[in-house]
Amino acid sequence: MNWADYGDILLTGMTSHLDRQKELLQYERTGPFQPSIIISGLDDLLVTDSVKKGIEASELKGFQFKPVIKRHISFVDWTNWNLQSEDPEFYPDNGEPENYILSLPHSQELSDQMENVWEVVAEENGIFINSQTYKQGDKDIDIMRTENSGWFLVTENAKNWIEENCDKWTEFWDLDDLPY
């Protein structure tokens, strides 16, 4: 996404600004666009309701879902902007990227029109076997978290499913080709 922190906040929204409420993430973002799968905040993996249903119908395994509270949804339809330009169409009040969300009112009508969002709760510290299998104890898993990194490891099966069923806002690296 272009536009540095401004583009990041428009694409991913925020899940680390507010504390969890009854163990559920509180999501703040612009709408009406919502990526079908995204990492928001520091390392929260979120999917839309339709992606959740697709994953549940697939053979992917080893993780659970928790509902996400859409706490503050502001109207900024940035998908109509020139995404290749050097700068966004406008900068938010006071120049802070999060003000695309926080300086504009919450729209319950817009929030209701957008799909529900789910947190993917993945196993942490599984054991990498090969590109097809991760293990946590004695169970196979397709998506796992890495401790304190913001990264998720996925099997080839999970990668293929995501590439076939989700919009194109995800990026994958082979473990041998990580950027750092």
N, C-alpha and C. Protein backbone atom coordinates (compact mmCIF):
# COMPACT_ATOMS: atom_id res chain seq x y z
N MET A 1 0.85 -1.18 0.00
CA MET A 1 0.00 0.00 0.00
C MET A 1 0.89 1.23 0.00
N ASN A 2 0.62 2.17 -0.89
CA ASN A 2 1.35 3.43 -0.92
C ASN A 2 0.98 4.31 0.27
N TRP A 3 1.60 5.42 0.38
CA TRP A 3 1.29 6.49 1.33
C TRP A 3 1.75 6.20 2.76
N ALA A 4 2.71 5.29 2.92
CA ALA A 4 3.34 5.01 4.22
C ALA A 4 2.29 4.75 5.30
N ASP A 5 2.42 5.38 6.45
CA ASP A 5 1.50 5.15 7.57
C ASP A 5 0.06 5.52 7.22
N TYR A 6 -0.12 6.50 6.33
CA TYR A 6 -1.47 6.89 5.92
C TYR A 6 -2.16 5.75 5.17
N GLY A 7 -1.43 5.11 4.26
CA GLY A 7 -1.98 3.98 3.54
C GLY A 7 -2.21 2.78 4.45
N ASP A 8 -1.27 2.56 5.37
CA ASP A 8 -1.42 1.43 6.30
C ASP A 8 -2.69 1.56 7.13
N ILE A 9 -2.95 2.73 7.67
CA ILE A 9 -4.13 2.90 8.53
C ILE A 9 -5.42 2.77 7.72
N LEU A 10 -5.41 3.28 6.48
CA LEU A 10 -6.59 3.15 5.63
C LEU A 10 -6.87 1.68 5.29
N LEU A 11 -5.82 0.93 5.04
CA LEU A 11 -5.98 -0.48 4.67
C LEU A 11 -6.32 -1.36 5.87
N THR A 12 -5.57 -1.21 6.96
CA THR A 12 -5.67 -2.19 8.05
C THR A 12 -6.52 -1.74 9.22
N GLY A 13 -6.78 -0.45 9.37
CA GLY A 13 -7.50 0.02 10.54
C GLY A 13 -6.66 -0.15 11.79
N MET A 14 -7.32 -0.14 12.95
CA MET A 14 -6.61 -0.21 14.22
C MET A 14 -7.29 -1.20 15.16
N THR A 15 -6.50 -2.06 15.77
CA THR A 15 -7.00 -2.94 16.83
C THR A 15 -6.19 -2.79 18.11
N SER A 16 -5.15 -1.99 18.08
CA SER A 16 -4.31 -1.85 19.28
C SER A 16 -4.53 -0.52 20.00
N HIS A 17 -5.41 0.32 19.49
CA HIS A 17 -5.68 1.63 20.09
C HIS A 17 -6.53 1.49 21.35
N LEU A 18 -7.52 0.61 21.32
CA LEU A 18 -8.41 0.38 22.46
C LEU A 18 -8.12 -1.00 23.07
N ASP A 19 -8.29 -1.11 24.37
CA ASP A 19 -8.15 -2.41 25.03
C ASP A 19 -9.27 -3.33 24.60
N ARG A 20 -9.04 -4.61 24.76
CA ARG A 20 -10.09 -5.59 24.49
C ARG A 20 -11.26 -5.35 25.45
N GLN A 21 -12.44 -5.64 24.97
CA GLN A 21 -13.64 -5.57 25.79
C GLN A 21 -14.17 -6.99 25.95
N LYS A 22 -14.16 -7.49 27.18
CA LYS A 22 -14.57 -8.87 27.45
C LYS A 22 -13.82 -9.84 26.53
N GLU A 23 -12.51 -9.63 26.41
CA GLU A 23 -11.59 -10.46 25.64
C GLU A 23 -11.77 -10.34 24.12
N LEU A 24 -12.58 -9.40 23.65
CA LEU A 24 -12.78 -9.21 22.22
C LEU A 24 -12.07 -7.96 21.74
N LEU A 25 -11.45 -8.05 20.55
CA LEU A 25 -10.82 -6.89 19.95
C LEU A 25 -11.86 -5.84 19.63
N GLN A 26 -11.47 -4.57 19.77
CA GLN A 26 -12.30 -3.45 19.33
C GLN A 26 -11.61 -2.87 18.09
N TYR A 27 -12.32 -2.86 17.00
CA TYR A 27 -11.79 -2.50 15.69
C TYR A 27 -12.25 -1.11 15.31
N GLU A 28 -11.30 -0.30 14.87
CA GLU A 28 -11.58 1.05 14.38
C GLU A 28 -11.00 1.13 12.98
N ARG A 29 -11.82 1.57 12.02
CA ARG A 29 -11.33 1.64 10.65
C ARG A 29 -12.21 2.57 9.81
N THR A 30 -11.75 2.79 8.58
CA THR A 30 -12.55 3.50 7.60
C THR A 30 -13.40 2.49 6.85
N GLY A 31 -14.46 2.96 6.24
CA GLY A 31 -15.33 2.12 5.42
C GLY A 31 -15.79 2.94 4.23
N PRO A 32 -16.38 2.34 3.26
CA PRO A 32 -17.03 1.05 3.32
C PRO A 32 -16.12 -0.15 3.01
N PHE A 33 -14.92 0.09 2.49
CA PHE A 33 -14.06 -1.03 2.13
C PHE A 33 -13.50 -1.71 3.37
N GLN A 34 -13.52 -3.04 3.35
CA GLN A 34 -12.95 -3.87 4.41
C GLN A 34 -12.22 -5.02 3.71
N PRO A 35 -10.89 -5.13 3.87
CA PRO A 35 -10.20 -6.27 3.26
C PRO A 35 -10.76 -7.59 3.80
N SER A 36 -10.75 -8.61 2.98
CA SER A 36 -11.28 -9.90 3.39
C SER A 36 -10.38 -10.60 4.41
N ILE A 37 -9.08 -10.30 4.37
CA ILE A 37 -8.12 -10.82 5.35
C ILE A 37 -7.03 -9.77 5.51
N ILE A 38 -6.66 -9.50 6.76
CA ILE A 38 -5.68 -8.43 7.01
C ILE A 38 -5.06 -8.63 8.38
N ILE A 39 -3.84 -8.16 8.55
CA ILE A 39 -3.24 -8.06 9.88
C ILE A 39 -3.39 -6.61 10.30
N SER A 40 -4.08 -6.40 11.41
CA SER A 40 -4.32 -5.06 11.94
C SER A 40 -3.62 -4.92 13.28
N GLY A 41 -3.45 -3.67 13.71
CA GLY A 41 -2.76 -3.45 14.97
C GLY A 41 -1.34 -3.97 14.85
N LEU A 42 -0.85 -4.57 15.90
CA LEU A 42 0.51 -5.12 15.86
C LEU A 42 0.55 -6.48 15.21
N ASP A 43 -0.41 -7.34 15.52
CA ASP A 43 -0.37 -8.69 14.96
C ASP A 43 -1.70 -9.42 15.10
N ASP A 44 -2.78 -8.71 14.83
CA ASP A 44 -4.10 -9.32 14.91
C ASP A 44 -4.55 -9.71 13.50
N LEU A 45 -4.76 -11.00 13.29
CA LEU A 45 -5.19 -11.51 11.99
C LEU A 45 -6.72 -11.49 11.96
N LEU A 46 -7.28 -10.72 11.02
CA LEU A 46 -8.72 -10.53 10.91
C LEU A 46 -9.23 -11.03 9.57
N VAL A 47 -10.43 -11.60 9.59
CA VAL A 47 -11.09 -12.02 8.36
C VAL A 47 -12.54 -11.56 8.41
N THR A 48 -13.11 -11.39 7.23
CA THR A 48 -14.53 -11.05 7.14
C THR A 48 -15.37 -12.30 7.36
N ASP A 49 -16.66 -12.09 7.57
CA ASP A 49 -17.59 -13.18 7.81
C ASP A 49 -17.59 -14.18 6.66
N SER A 50 -17.56 -13.70 5.42
CA SER A 50 -17.59 -14.63 4.28
C SER A 50 -16.32 -15.47 4.21
N VAL A 51 -15.18 -14.90 4.55
CA VAL A 51 -13.94 -15.68 4.57
C VAL A 51 -13.97 -16.70 5.70
N LYS A 52 -14.46 -16.29 6.86
CA LYS A 52 -14.60 -17.23 7.99
C LYS A 52 -15.43 -18.44 7.58
N LYS A 53 -16.56 -18.19 6.94
CA LYS A 53 -17.43 -19.29 6.52
C LYS A 53 -16.72 -20.20 5.51
N GLY A 54 -15.95 -19.59 4.61
CA GLY A 54 -15.20 -20.38 3.64
C GLY A 54 -14.12 -21.22 4.30
N ILE A 55 -13.42 -20.65 5.27
CA ILE A 55 -12.39 -21.41 5.99
C ILE A 55 -13.04 -22.56 6.76
N GLU A 56 -14.16 -22.29 7.39
CA GLU A 56 -14.85 -23.35 8.15
C GLU A 56 -15.28 -24.50 7.24
N ALA A 57 -15.61 -24.20 5.99
CA ALA A 57 -16.02 -25.24 5.04
C ALA A 57 -14.81 -25.93 4.40
N SER A 58 -13.63 -25.36 4.56
CA SER A 58 -12.41 -25.94 3.98
C SER A 58 -11.85 -27.01 4.91
N GLU A 59 -10.74 -27.56 4.53
CA GLU A 59 -10.07 -28.56 5.37
C GLU A 59 -8.95 -27.94 6.21
N LEU A 60 -8.85 -26.61 6.24
CA LEU A 60 -7.83 -25.95 7.05
C LEU A 60 -8.16 -26.16 8.53
N LYS A 61 -7.12 -26.29 9.34
CA LYS A 61 -7.37 -26.62 10.74
C LYS A 61 -6.31 -26.01 11.66
N GLY A 62 -6.62 -26.07 12.97
CA GLY A 62 -5.65 -25.68 13.99
C GLY A 62 -5.82 -24.28 14.53
N PHE A 63 -6.97 -23.65 14.36
CA PHE A 63 -7.19 -22.30 14.86
C PHE A 63 -8.67 -22.11 15.13
N GLN A 64 -8.99 -21.02 15.81
CA GLN A 64 -10.38 -20.71 16.15
C GLN A 64 -10.68 -19.28 15.73
N PHE A 65 -11.94 -18.87 15.87
CA PHE A 65 -12.36 -17.52 15.55
C PHE A 65 -13.01 -16.88 16.77
N LYS A 66 -12.77 -15.58 16.94
CA LYS A 66 -13.47 -14.80 17.95
C LYS A 66 -14.08 -13.58 17.26
N PRO A 67 -15.31 -13.22 17.61
CA PRO A 67 -15.91 -12.03 17.00
C PRO A 67 -15.12 -10.77 17.35
N VAL A 68 -15.18 -9.80 16.49
CA VAL A 68 -14.52 -8.51 16.68
C VAL A 68 -15.60 -7.44 16.80
N ILE A 69 -15.42 -6.52 17.71
CA ILE A 69 -16.36 -5.41 17.89
C ILE A 69 -15.97 -4.30 16.93
N LYS A 70 -16.87 -3.93 16.04
CA LYS A 70 -16.62 -2.79 15.14
C LYS A 70 -16.96 -1.52 15.95
N ARG A 71 -15.97 -0.99 16.64
CA ARG A 71 -16.19 0.10 17.59
C ARG A 71 -16.35 1.46 16.92
N HIS A 72 -15.52 1.76 15.92
CA HIS A 72 -15.58 3.09 15.29
C HIS A 72 -15.30 2.92 13.80
N ILE A 73 -16.32 3.11 12.99
CA ILE A 73 -16.20 3.01 11.54
C ILE A 73 -16.51 4.38 10.96
N SER A 74 -15.52 4.98 10.31
CA SER A 74 -15.72 6.31 9.71
C SER A 74 -15.74 6.18 8.19
N PHE A 75 -16.49 7.07 7.55
CA PHE A 75 -16.61 7.02 6.10
C PHE A 75 -15.44 7.73 5.43
N VAL A 76 -14.59 6.94 4.77
CA VAL A 76 -13.54 7.45 3.88
C VAL A 76 -13.42 6.41 2.77
N ASP A 77 -13.95 6.71 1.60
CA ASP A 77 -13.93 5.74 0.50
C ASP A 77 -12.66 5.93 -0.33
N TRP A 78 -11.52 5.57 0.26
CA TRP A 78 -10.22 5.78 -0.35
C TRP A 78 -9.95 4.86 -1.55
N THR A 79 -10.76 3.83 -1.74
CA THR A 79 -10.53 2.92 -2.85
C THR A 79 -10.78 3.59 -4.21
N ASN A 80 -11.45 4.74 -4.19
CA ASN A 80 -11.68 5.50 -5.43
C ASN A 80 -10.55 6.48 -5.73
N TRP A 81 -9.59 6.60 -4.83
CA TRP A 81 -8.46 7.50 -5.05
C TRP A 81 -7.47 6.84 -6.01
N ASN A 82 -6.55 7.64 -6.53
CA ASN A 82 -5.48 7.11 -7.37
C ASN A 82 -4.48 6.39 -6.46
N LEU A 83 -4.55 5.07 -6.42
CA LEU A 83 -3.71 4.30 -5.51
C LEU A 83 -2.24 4.29 -5.92
N GLN A 84 -1.94 4.76 -7.11
CA GLN A 84 -0.55 4.82 -7.57
C GLN A 84 0.10 6.20 -7.31
N SER A 85 -0.71 7.16 -6.87
CA SER A 85 -0.16 8.50 -6.65
C SER A 85 0.78 8.52 -5.45
N GLU A 86 1.62 9.52 -5.41
CA GLU A 86 2.60 9.66 -4.34
C GLU A 86 1.95 10.02 -3.01
N ASP A 87 0.82 10.75 -3.08
CA ASP A 87 0.13 11.20 -1.87
C ASP A 87 -1.34 10.80 -1.92
N PRO A 88 -1.94 10.60 -0.74
CA PRO A 88 -3.39 10.33 -0.73
C PRO A 88 -4.16 11.55 -1.20
N GLU A 89 -5.43 11.38 -1.51
CA GLU A 89 -6.27 12.48 -1.99
C GLU A 89 -6.34 13.61 -0.97
N PHE A 90 -6.37 13.26 0.32
CA PHE A 90 -6.30 14.28 1.36
C PHE A 90 -5.65 13.67 2.59
N TYR A 91 -5.09 14.54 3.41
CA TYR A 91 -4.51 14.12 4.68
C TYR A 91 -5.50 14.42 5.80
N PRO A 92 -5.50 13.62 6.85
CA PRO A 92 -6.47 13.81 7.92
C PRO A 92 -6.15 15.04 8.77
N ASP A 93 -7.13 15.46 9.58
CA ASP A 93 -6.93 16.57 10.51
C ASP A 93 -5.70 16.34 11.37
N ASN A 94 -4.96 17.40 11.61
CA ASN A 94 -3.75 17.38 12.44
C ASN A 94 -2.64 16.50 11.89
N GLY A 95 -2.80 15.96 10.69
CA GLY A 95 -1.74 15.22 10.04
C GLY A 95 -1.45 13.83 10.56
N GLU A 96 -2.17 13.36 11.57
CA GLU A 96 -1.93 12.03 12.13
C GLU A 96 -2.75 10.99 11.37
N PRO A 97 -2.12 9.90 10.90
CA PRO A 97 -2.84 8.90 10.10
C PRO A 97 -4.11 8.38 10.77
N GLU A 98 -4.07 8.14 12.08
CA GLU A 98 -5.24 7.58 12.76
C GLU A 98 -6.43 8.55 12.76
N ASN A 99 -6.20 9.81 12.41
CA ASN A 99 -7.30 10.77 12.36
C ASN A 99 -8.21 10.58 11.14
N TYR A 100 -7.79 9.73 10.18
CA TYR A 100 -8.75 9.32 9.15
C TYR A 100 -9.94 8.65 9.83
N ILE A 101 -9.69 8.04 10.97
CA ILE A 101 -10.73 7.33 11.72
C ILE A 101 -11.24 8.19 12.87
N LEU A 102 -10.33 8.61 13.74
CA LEU A 102 -10.72 9.22 15.00
C LEU A 102 -11.30 10.63 14.88
N SER A 103 -10.92 11.38 13.85
CA SER A 103 -11.44 12.75 13.73
C SER A 103 -12.79 12.81 13.01
N LEU A 104 -13.22 11.66 12.51
CA LEU A 104 -14.51 11.59 11.82
C LEU A 104 -15.50 10.81 12.68
N PRO A 105 -16.78 11.10 12.56
CA PRO A 105 -17.76 10.41 13.42
C PRO A 105 -17.92 8.95 13.04
N HIS A 106 -18.29 8.16 14.02
CA HIS A 106 -18.67 6.77 13.78
C HIS A 106 -19.99 6.74 13.02
N SER A 107 -20.07 5.89 12.02
CA SER A 107 -21.31 5.71 11.27
C SER A 107 -21.85 4.31 11.54
N GLN A 108 -22.88 4.23 12.36
CA GLN A 108 -23.48 2.93 12.65
C GLN A 108 -24.10 2.33 11.39
N GLU A 109 -24.68 3.18 10.55
CA GLU A 109 -25.28 2.69 9.30
C GLU A 109 -24.21 2.05 8.42
N LEU A 110 -23.06 2.69 8.28
CA LEU A 110 -21.97 2.13 7.50
C LEU A 110 -21.45 0.84 8.14
N SER A 111 -21.28 0.85 9.43
CA SER A 111 -20.82 -0.33 10.16
C SER A 111 -21.75 -1.51 9.92
N ASP A 112 -23.06 -1.26 9.97
CA ASP A 112 -24.04 -2.32 9.76
C ASP A 112 -24.01 -2.86 8.32
N GLN A 113 -23.62 -2.03 7.36
CA GLN A 113 -23.56 -2.46 5.96
C GLN A 113 -22.33 -3.32 5.68
N MET A 114 -21.29 -3.14 6.48
CA MET A 114 -20.04 -3.88 6.29
C MET A 114 -20.17 -5.27 6.91
N GLU A 115 -19.40 -6.22 6.37
CA GLU A 115 -19.41 -7.57 6.92
C GLU A 115 -18.91 -7.57 8.36
N ASN A 116 -19.37 -8.55 9.13
CA ASN A 116 -18.80 -8.77 10.45
C ASN A 116 -17.35 -9.19 10.28
N VAL A 117 -16.56 -8.97 11.32
CA VAL A 117 -15.13 -9.26 11.28
C VAL A 117 -14.81 -10.22 12.41
N TRP A 118 -13.86 -11.12 12.15
CA TRP A 118 -13.48 -12.16 13.10
C TRP A 118 -11.97 -12.15 13.29
N GLU A 119 -11.54 -12.36 14.51
CA GLU A 119 -10.12 -12.55 14.81
C GLU A 119 -9.80 -14.03 14.63
N VAL A 120 -8.72 -14.31 13.92
CA VAL A 120 -8.24 -15.68 13.79
C VAL A 120 -7.29 -15.93 14.97
N VAL A 121 -7.68 -16.83 15.83
CA VAL A 121 -6.87 -17.16 17.00
C VAL A 121 -6.07 -18.41 16.65
N ALA A 122 -4.80 -18.18 16.33
CA ALA A 122 -3.94 -19.27 15.86
C ALA A 122 -3.06 -19.78 16.98
N GLU A 123 -2.65 -21.02 16.84
CA GLU A 123 -1.73 -21.62 17.80
C GLU A 123 -0.41 -20.85 17.79
N GLU A 124 0.25 -20.80 18.92
CA GLU A 124 1.55 -20.14 19.02
C GLU A 124 2.61 -21.18 19.31
N ASN A 125 3.76 -21.01 18.66
CA ASN A 125 4.92 -21.87 18.91
C ASN A 125 4.70 -23.32 18.54
N GLY A 126 4.05 -23.57 17.42
CA GLY A 126 3.99 -24.93 16.90
C GLY A 126 5.35 -25.33 16.36
N ILE A 127 5.44 -26.51 15.85
CA ILE A 127 6.69 -27.02 15.32
C ILE A 127 6.57 -27.15 13.81
N PHE A 128 7.49 -26.54 13.07
CA PHE A 128 7.49 -26.62 11.62
C PHE A 128 8.02 -27.99 11.19
N ILE A 129 7.23 -28.71 10.42
CA ILE A 129 7.65 -30.02 9.93
C ILE A 129 8.13 -29.89 8.48
N ASN A 130 7.28 -29.38 7.60
CA ASN A 130 7.62 -29.09 6.21
C ASN A 130 6.58 -28.12 5.67
N SER A 131 6.65 -27.80 4.38
CA SER A 131 5.74 -26.78 3.84
C SER A 131 4.28 -27.19 3.93
N GLN A 132 3.99 -28.47 4.18
CA GLN A 132 2.62 -28.93 4.28
C GLN A 132 2.10 -29.06 5.70
N THR A 133 2.99 -29.13 6.70
CA THR A 133 2.53 -29.50 8.04
C THR A 133 3.26 -28.73 9.14
N TYR A 134 2.48 -28.19 10.06
CA TYR A 134 2.98 -27.68 11.33
C TYR A 134 2.32 -28.51 12.41
N LYS A 135 2.96 -28.66 13.53
CA LYS A 135 2.37 -29.44 14.61
C LYS A 135 2.38 -28.62 15.89
N GLN A 136 1.31 -28.75 16.66
CA GLN A 136 1.21 -28.22 18.02
C GLN A 136 0.81 -29.42 18.86
N GLY A 137 1.74 -29.93 19.63
CA GLY A 137 1.45 -31.18 20.33
C GLY A 137 1.27 -32.27 19.30
N ASP A 138 0.12 -32.93 19.31
CA ASP A 138 -0.11 -34.01 18.36
C ASP A 138 -1.10 -33.63 17.26
N LYS A 139 -1.42 -32.34 17.13
CA LYS A 139 -2.38 -31.98 16.08
C LYS A 139 -1.73 -31.13 14.99
N ASP A 140 -2.18 -31.37 13.76
CA ASP A 140 -1.69 -30.60 12.62
C ASP A 140 -2.40 -29.25 12.61
N ILE A 141 -1.68 -28.22 12.19
CA ILE A 141 -2.27 -26.90 12.08
C ILE A 141 -1.84 -26.27 10.77
N ASP A 142 -2.70 -25.41 10.20
CA ASP A 142 -2.41 -24.76 8.92
C ASP A 142 -2.00 -23.30 9.07
N ILE A 143 -2.34 -22.69 10.19
CA ILE A 143 -1.94 -21.30 10.45
C ILE A 143 -1.44 -21.26 11.88
N MET A 144 -0.24 -20.72 12.09
CA MET A 144 0.27 -20.57 13.45
C MET A 144 0.95 -19.23 13.61
N ARG A 145 1.04 -18.78 14.84
CA ARG A 145 1.69 -17.51 15.16
C ARG A 145 3.14 -17.76 15.54
N THR A 146 3.96 -16.79 15.28
CA THR A 146 5.31 -16.83 15.80
C THR A 146 5.36 -15.90 17.00
N GLU A 147 6.07 -16.28 18.01
CA GLU A 147 6.08 -15.52 19.26
C GLU A 147 6.73 -14.15 19.06
N ASN A 148 6.03 -13.09 19.47
CA ASN A 148 6.55 -11.72 19.52
C ASN A 148 7.10 -11.20 18.19
N SER A 149 6.49 -11.58 17.07
CA SER A 149 7.05 -11.11 15.80
C SER A 149 6.03 -10.44 14.89
N GLY A 150 4.74 -10.68 15.11
CA GLY A 150 3.75 -10.15 14.19
C GLY A 150 3.63 -10.98 12.92
N TRP A 151 4.34 -12.09 12.84
CA TRP A 151 4.31 -12.96 11.66
C TRP A 151 3.39 -14.15 11.92
N PHE A 152 2.84 -14.65 10.86
CA PHE A 152 2.09 -15.90 10.90
C PHE A 152 2.75 -16.86 9.92
N LEU A 153 2.84 -18.11 10.29
CA LEU A 153 3.32 -19.15 9.40
C LEU A 153 2.10 -19.91 8.89
N VAL A 154 2.08 -20.18 7.60
CA VAL A 154 0.97 -20.92 7.01
C VAL A 154 1.52 -22.06 6.16
N THR A 155 0.77 -23.14 6.12
CA THR A 155 1.14 -24.25 5.24
C THR A 155 0.88 -23.84 3.80
N GLU A 156 1.41 -24.63 2.89
CA GLU A 156 1.16 -24.40 1.47
C GLU A 156 -0.34 -24.47 1.18
N ASN A 157 -1.04 -25.39 1.87
CA ASN A 157 -2.49 -25.52 1.68
C ASN A 157 -3.20 -24.22 2.09
N ALA A 158 -2.82 -23.64 3.22
CA ALA A 158 -3.44 -22.39 3.68
C ALA A 158 -3.11 -21.25 2.73
N LYS A 159 -1.86 -21.17 2.30
CA LYS A 159 -1.46 -20.12 1.35
C LYS A 159 -2.30 -20.21 0.08
N ASN A 160 -2.42 -21.42 -0.47
CA ASN A 160 -3.20 -21.60 -1.69
C ASN A 160 -4.66 -21.22 -1.48
N TRP A 161 -5.23 -21.62 -0.34
CA TRP A 161 -6.63 -21.29 -0.07
C TRP A 161 -6.82 -19.78 0.02
N ILE A 162 -5.94 -19.09 0.72
CA ILE A 162 -6.03 -17.64 0.87
C ILE A 162 -5.89 -16.96 -0.48
N GLU A 163 -4.92 -17.39 -1.28
CA GLU A 163 -4.73 -16.77 -2.60
C GLU A 163 -5.94 -16.98 -3.51
N GLU A 164 -6.62 -18.12 -3.38
CA GLU A 164 -7.78 -18.41 -4.23
C GLU A 164 -9.07 -17.77 -3.73
N ASN A 165 -9.18 -17.49 -2.43
CA ASN A 165 -10.46 -17.09 -1.85
C ASN A 165 -10.51 -15.70 -1.22
N CYS A 166 -9.39 -15.02 -1.16
CA CYS A 166 -9.35 -13.71 -0.51
C CYS A 166 -8.88 -12.65 -1.49
N ASP A 167 -9.17 -11.39 -1.16
CA ASP A 167 -8.68 -10.33 -2.01
C ASP A 167 -7.15 -10.29 -1.92
N LYS A 168 -6.54 -9.47 -2.71
CA LYS A 168 -5.09 -9.53 -2.92
C LYS A 168 -4.28 -8.60 -2.01
N TRP A 169 -4.67 -8.45 -0.75
CA TRP A 169 -3.95 -7.58 0.18
C TRP A 169 -2.97 -8.35 1.05
N THR A 170 -2.76 -9.62 0.77
CA THR A 170 -1.81 -10.42 1.55
C THR A 170 -0.53 -10.62 0.75
N GLU A 171 0.53 -10.86 1.48
CA GLU A 171 1.82 -11.12 0.86
C GLU A 171 2.45 -12.30 1.59
N PHE A 172 3.06 -13.19 0.85
CA PHE A 172 3.68 -14.38 1.43
C PHE A 172 5.16 -14.41 1.09
N TRP A 173 5.95 -14.94 2.01
CA TRP A 173 7.37 -15.19 1.77
C TRP A 173 7.67 -16.62 2.15
N ASP A 174 8.52 -17.25 1.38
CA ASP A 174 9.04 -18.56 1.76
C ASP A 174 9.94 -18.35 2.98
N LEU A 175 9.96 -19.30 3.89
CA LEU A 175 10.78 -19.15 5.11
C LEU A 175 12.24 -18.88 4.79
N ASP A 176 12.72 -19.42 3.69
CA ASP A 176 14.12 -19.19 3.32
C ASP A 176 14.36 -17.82 2.72
N ASP A 177 13.30 -17.11 2.35
CA ASP A 177 13.42 -15.82 1.67
C ASP A 177 12.88 -14.65 2.47
N LEU A 178 12.75 -14.81 3.79
CA LEU A 178 12.22 -13.71 4.61
C LEU A 178 13.06 -12.45 4.43
N PRO A 179 12.40 -11.28 4.44
CA PRO A 179 13.12 -10.04 4.17
C PRO A 179 14.10 -9.65 5.26
N TYR A 180 14.07 -10.28 6.42
CA TYR A 180 15.08 -10.03 7.47
C TYR A 180 15.15 -11.18 8.41
